[in-house]
Amino acid sequence: MKSMMQNLMGAALALTVADSAAVAQERQPKSFTGTAVYYSIDYRGRTASGAHYDPTKFTAAHRTLPFGTHVRVTDLKTRRSVVVVVNDRGPFNKGRMIDLSLAAAKELRMINRGVARVTAQVESPTATNISDRAPR
């Protein structure tokens, strides 16, 4: 009887955690406007998802969007856009909304400006169950 209760409590906890994750994902904004910056040209390292940063890939950092989310980022000045995949956390400077990879920044032609006012539209949530925590 005790084992059965433990199993039921474990199942209830698992459902609660799964439901909380689904609700959190639903609360994510579908689009937002703000300031974009890009990773330093000299940056070499890992992202919060555990992947190595590759300046030739179209990736981005966002504070809350799940890893693997595809986001269309449009520069409001040039009207150029690019689709990036969230694989990192940040930016952590006040007033910044998204950090873009070097490739994405070049495509938006924002390298000389350093920052750009952009809109970002979530194109697809994560297609796979990618953890939001880096591997230990």
C-alpha atoms as a PDB file:
ATOM      1  CA  MET A   1       0.000   0.000   0.000  1.00  0.00           C
ATOM      2  CA  LYS A   2       2.820   2.422   0.916  1.00  0.00           C
ATOM      3  CA  SER A   3       4.602   1.669  -2.374  1.00  0.00           C
ATOM      4  CA  MET A   4       1.397   2.325  -4.322  1.00  0.00           C
ATOM      5  CA  MET A   5       0.957   5.703  -2.593  1.00  0.00           C
ATOM      6  CA  GLN A   6       4.558   6.633  -3.370  1.00  0.00           C
ATOM      7  CA  ASN A   7       3.999   5.745  -7.038  1.00  0.00           C
ATOM      8  CA  LEU A   8       0.827   7.843  -7.167  1.00  0.00           C
ATOM      9  CA  MET A   9       2.547  10.789  -5.505  1.00  0.00           C
ATOM     10  CA  GLY A  10       5.482  10.492  -7.908  1.00  0.00           C
ATOM     11  CA  ALA A  11       3.119  10.429 -10.894  1.00  0.00           C
ATOM     12  CA  ALA A  12       1.233  13.458  -9.565  1.00  0.00           C
ATOM     13  CA  LEU A  13       4.498  15.346  -9.094  1.00  0.00           C
ATOM     14  CA  ALA A  14       5.634  14.468 -12.631  1.00  0.00           C
ATOM     15  CA  LEU A  15       2.340  15.716 -14.073  1.00  0.00           C
ATOM     16  CA  THR A  16       2.576  18.935 -12.072  1.00  0.00           C
ATOM     17  CA  VAL A  17       6.122  19.598 -13.315  1.00  0.00           C
ATOM     18  CA  ALA A  18       5.160  18.810 -16.931  1.00  0.00           C
ATOM     19  CA  ASP A  19       2.077  21.021 -16.657  1.00  0.00           C
ATOM     20  CA  SER A  20       4.146  23.876 -15.192  1.00  0.00           C
ATOM     21  CA  ALA A  21       6.616  23.635 -18.085  1.00  0.00           C
ATOM     22  CA  ALA A  22       3.763  23.720 -20.617  1.00  0.00           C
ATOM     23  CA  VAL A  23       2.196  26.745 -18.921  1.00  0.00           C
ATOM     24  CA  ALA A  24       5.549  28.543 -18.800  1.00  0.00           C
ATOM     25  CA  GLN A  25       6.043  27.943 -22.517  1.00  0.00           C
ATOM     26  CA  GLU A  26       2.529  29.237 -23.258  1.00  0.00           C
ATOM     27  CA  ARG A  27       3.331  32.419 -21.318  1.00  0.00           C
ATOM     28  CA  GLN A  28       6.256  33.217 -23.602  1.00  0.00           C
ATOM     29  CA  PRO A  29       5.536  36.240 -25.794  1.00  0.00           C
ATOM     30  CA  LYS A  30       4.829  35.465 -29.447  1.00  0.00           C
ATOM     31  CA  SER A  31       6.526  38.694 -30.543  1.00  0.00           C
ATOM     32  CA  PHE A  32       8.444  41.496 -28.886  1.00  0.00           C
ATOM     33  CA  THR A  33      10.355  44.643 -29.781  1.00  0.00           C
ATOM     34  CA  GLY A  34      13.618  45.815 -28.302  1.00  0.00           C
ATOM     35  CA  THR A  35      17.347  46.214 -28.736  1.00  0.00           C
ATOM     36  CA  ALA A  36      19.566  43.533 -30.254  1.00  0.00           C
ATOM     37  CA  VAL A  37      23.309  43.271 -29.846  1.00  0.00           C
ATOM     38  CA  TYR A  38      25.725  40.617 -31.074  1.00  0.00           C
ATOM     39  CA  TYR A  39      28.431  38.440 -29.571  1.00  0.00           C
ATOM     40  CA  SER A  40      31.953  39.811 -29.603  1.00  0.00           C
ATOM     41  CA  ILE A  41      33.952  38.885 -32.681  1.00  0.00           C
ATOM     42  CA  ASP A  42      36.576  37.415 -30.335  1.00  0.00           C
ATOM     43  CA  TYR A  43      34.148  35.317 -28.264  1.00  0.00           C
ATOM     44  CA  ARG A  44      34.980  31.626 -28.066  1.00  0.00           C
ATOM     45  CA  GLY A  45      33.197  29.397 -25.619  1.00  0.00           C
ATOM     46  CA  ARG A  46      30.128  27.393 -24.776  1.00  0.00           C
ATOM     47  CA  THR A  47      26.551  28.545 -24.689  1.00  0.00           C
ATOM     48  CA  ALA A  48      24.187  27.924 -21.787  1.00  0.00           C
ATOM     49  CA  SER A  49      22.777  24.943 -23.695  1.00  0.00           C
ATOM     50  CA  GLY A  50      26.238  23.365 -23.674  1.00  0.00           C
ATOM     51  CA  ALA A  51      26.924  23.869 -27.389  1.00  0.00           C
ATOM     52  CA  HIS A  52      30.110  25.519 -28.613  1.00  0.00           C
ATOM     53  CA  TYR A  53      29.435  29.025 -29.900  1.00  0.00           C
ATOM     54  CA  ASP A  54      29.829  29.038 -33.691  1.00  0.00           C
ATOM     55  CA  PRO A  55      29.942  32.547 -35.199  1.00  0.00           C
ATOM     56  CA  THR A  56      28.890  31.145 -38.602  1.00  0.00           C
ATOM     57  CA  LYS A  57      25.558  29.751 -37.329  1.00  0.00           C
ATOM     58  CA  PHE A  58      22.323  31.699 -36.960  1.00  0.00           C
ATOM     59  CA  THR A  59      21.867  31.476 -33.190  1.00  0.00           C
ATOM     60  CA  ALA A  60      20.843  33.772 -30.379  1.00  0.00           C
ATOM     61  CA  ALA A  61      20.626  34.234 -26.639  1.00  0.00           C
ATOM     62  CA  HIS A  62      17.358  35.107 -24.926  1.00  0.00           C
ATOM     63  CA  ARG A  63      16.602  35.249 -21.205  1.00  0.00           C
ATOM     64  CA  THR A  64      13.475  33.063 -21.170  1.00  0.00           C
ATOM     65  CA  LEU A  65      12.650  31.446 -24.517  1.00  0.00           C
ATOM     66  CA  PRO A  66      13.276  27.683 -24.505  1.00  0.00           C
ATOM     67  CA  PHE A  67      16.416  26.408 -26.201  1.00  0.00           C
ATOM     68  CA  GLY A  68      15.659  25.335 -29.753  1.00  0.00           C
ATOM     69  CA  THR A  69      13.019  28.028 -30.326  1.00  0.00           C
ATOM     70  CA  HIS A  70      13.152  29.539 -33.821  1.00  0.00           C
ATOM     71  CA  VAL A  71      12.784  33.320 -33.820  1.00  0.00           C
ATOM     72  CA  ARG A  72      12.531  35.661 -36.814  1.00  0.00           C
ATOM     73  CA  VAL A  73      14.439  38.844 -35.955  1.00  0.00           C
ATOM     74  CA  THR A  74      13.737  41.911 -38.122  1.00  0.00           C
ATOM     75  CA  ASP A  75      15.842  45.070 -38.033  1.00  0.00           C
ATOM     76  CA  LEU A  76      13.380  47.976 -37.893  1.00  0.00           C
ATOM     77  CA  LYS A  77      15.786  50.316 -39.701  1.00  0.00           C
ATOM     78  CA  THR A  78      16.778  48.115 -42.646  1.00  0.00           C
ATOM     79  CA  ARG A  79      13.736  45.767 -42.661  1.00  0.00           C
ATOM     80  CA  ARG A  80      16.149  42.864 -43.147  1.00  0.00           C
ATOM     81  CA  SER A  81      15.311  39.709 -41.205  1.00  0.00           C
ATOM     82  CA  VAL A  82      16.896  36.449 -40.185  1.00  0.00           C
ATOM     83  CA  VAL A  83      15.711  33.318 -38.398  1.00  0.00           C
ATOM     84  CA  VAL A  84      17.828  32.303 -35.417  1.00  0.00           C
ATOM     85  CA  VAL A  85      17.710  29.399 -32.981  1.00  0.00           C
ATOM     86  CA  VAL A  86      17.879  30.169 -29.260  1.00  0.00           C
ATOM     87  CA  ASN A  87      20.757  28.221 -27.695  1.00  0.00           C
ATOM     88  CA  ASP A  88      22.007  30.573 -24.995  1.00  0.00           C
ATOM     89  CA  ARG A  89      20.858  32.777 -22.121  1.00  0.00           C
ATOM     90  CA  GLY A  90      21.185  36.534 -22.053  1.00  0.00           C
ATOM     91  CA  PRO A  91      21.646  39.356 -22.660  1.00  0.00           C
ATOM     92  CA  PHE A  92      22.040  40.483 -19.101  1.00  0.00           C
ATOM     93  CA  ASN A  93      22.562  44.200 -19.744  1.00  0.00           C
ATOM     94  CA  LYS A  94      19.566  46.390 -19.010  1.00  0.00           C
ATOM     95  CA  GLY A  95      17.745  47.459 -22.145  1.00  0.00           C
ATOM     96  CA  ARG A  96      18.969  44.574 -24.280  1.00  0.00           C
ATOM     97  CA  MET A  97      16.464  41.992 -25.545  1.00  0.00           C
ATOM     98  CA  ILE A  98      18.445  39.489 -27.625  1.00  0.00           C
ATOM     99  CA  ASP A  99      22.094  38.629 -28.364  1.00  0.00           C
ATOM    100  CA  LEU A 100      22.715  37.523 -31.938  1.00  0.00           C
ATOM    101  CA  SER A 101      25.513  35.448 -33.392  1.00  0.00           C
ATOM    102  CA  LEU A 102      28.002  37.172 -35.673  1.00  0.00           C
ATOM    103  CA  ALA A 103      26.426  35.541 -38.750  1.00  0.00           C
ATOM    104  CA  ALA A 104      22.956  36.822 -37.821  1.00  0.00           C
ATOM    105  CA  ALA A 105      24.301  40.336 -37.135  1.00  0.00           C
ATOM    106  CA  LYS A 106      26.074  40.387 -40.497  1.00  0.00           C
ATOM    107  CA  GLU A 107      22.904  39.277 -42.267  1.00  0.00           C
ATOM    108  CA  LEU A 108      21.004  42.119 -40.592  1.00  0.00           C
ATOM    109  CA  ARG A 109      23.849  44.504 -41.513  1.00  0.00           C
ATOM    110  CA  MET A 110      24.149  45.792 -37.966  1.00  0.00           C
ATOM    111  CA  ILE A 111      27.881  45.215 -37.449  1.00  0.00           C
ATOM    112  CA  ASN A 112      28.891  48.872 -37.871  1.00  0.00           C
ATOM    113  CA  ARG A 113      26.048  50.104 -35.638  1.00  0.00           C
ATOM    114  CA  GLY A 114      26.702  47.532 -32.891  1.00  0.00           C
ATOM    115  CA  VAL A 115      23.081  47.606 -31.735  1.00  0.00           C
ATOM    116  CA  ALA A 116      19.789  47.545 -33.599  1.00  0.00           C
ATOM    117  CA  ARG A 117      16.162  48.124 -32.757  1.00  0.00           C
ATOM    118  CA  VAL A 118      14.402  44.905 -33.758  1.00  0.00           C
ATOM    119  CA  THR A 119      11.179  42.990 -33.593  1.00  0.00           C
ATOM    120  CA  ALA A 120      11.344  39.300 -32.855  1.00  0.00           C
ATOM    121  CA  GLN A 121       8.592  36.864 -33.779  1.00  0.00           C
ATOM    122  CA  VAL A 122       8.567  33.325 -32.373  1.00  0.00           C
ATOM    123  CA  GLU A 123       8.237  31.099 -35.436  1.00  0.00           C
ATOM    124  CA  SER A 124       8.174  27.751 -33.690  1.00  0.00           C
ATOM    125  CA  PRO A 125       8.514  26.494 -30.158  1.00  0.00           C
ATOM    126  CA  THR A 126      11.008  23.749 -29.473  1.00  0.00           C
ATOM    127  CA  ALA A 127      10.382  20.758 -31.682  1.00  0.00           C
ATOM    128  CA  THR A 128      12.355  18.502 -29.403  1.00  0.00           C
ATOM    129  CA  ASN A 129      12.533  18.224 -25.663  1.00  0.00           C
ATOM    130  CA  ILE A 130      15.722  20.229 -25.163  1.00  0.00           C
ATOM    131  CA  SER A 131      16.548  20.964 -21.543  1.00  0.00           C
ATOM    132  CA  ASP A 132      16.876  24.592 -20.510  1.00  0.00           C
ATOM    133  CA  ARG A 133      19.790  23.695 -18.274  1.00  0.00           C
ATOM    134  CA  ALA A 134      23.344  23.164 -19.390  1.00  0.00           C
ATOM    135  CA  PRO A 135      24.728  19.651 -18.901  1.00  0.00           C
ATOM    136  CA  ARG A 136      26.646  19.098 -15.696  1.00  0.00           C
END
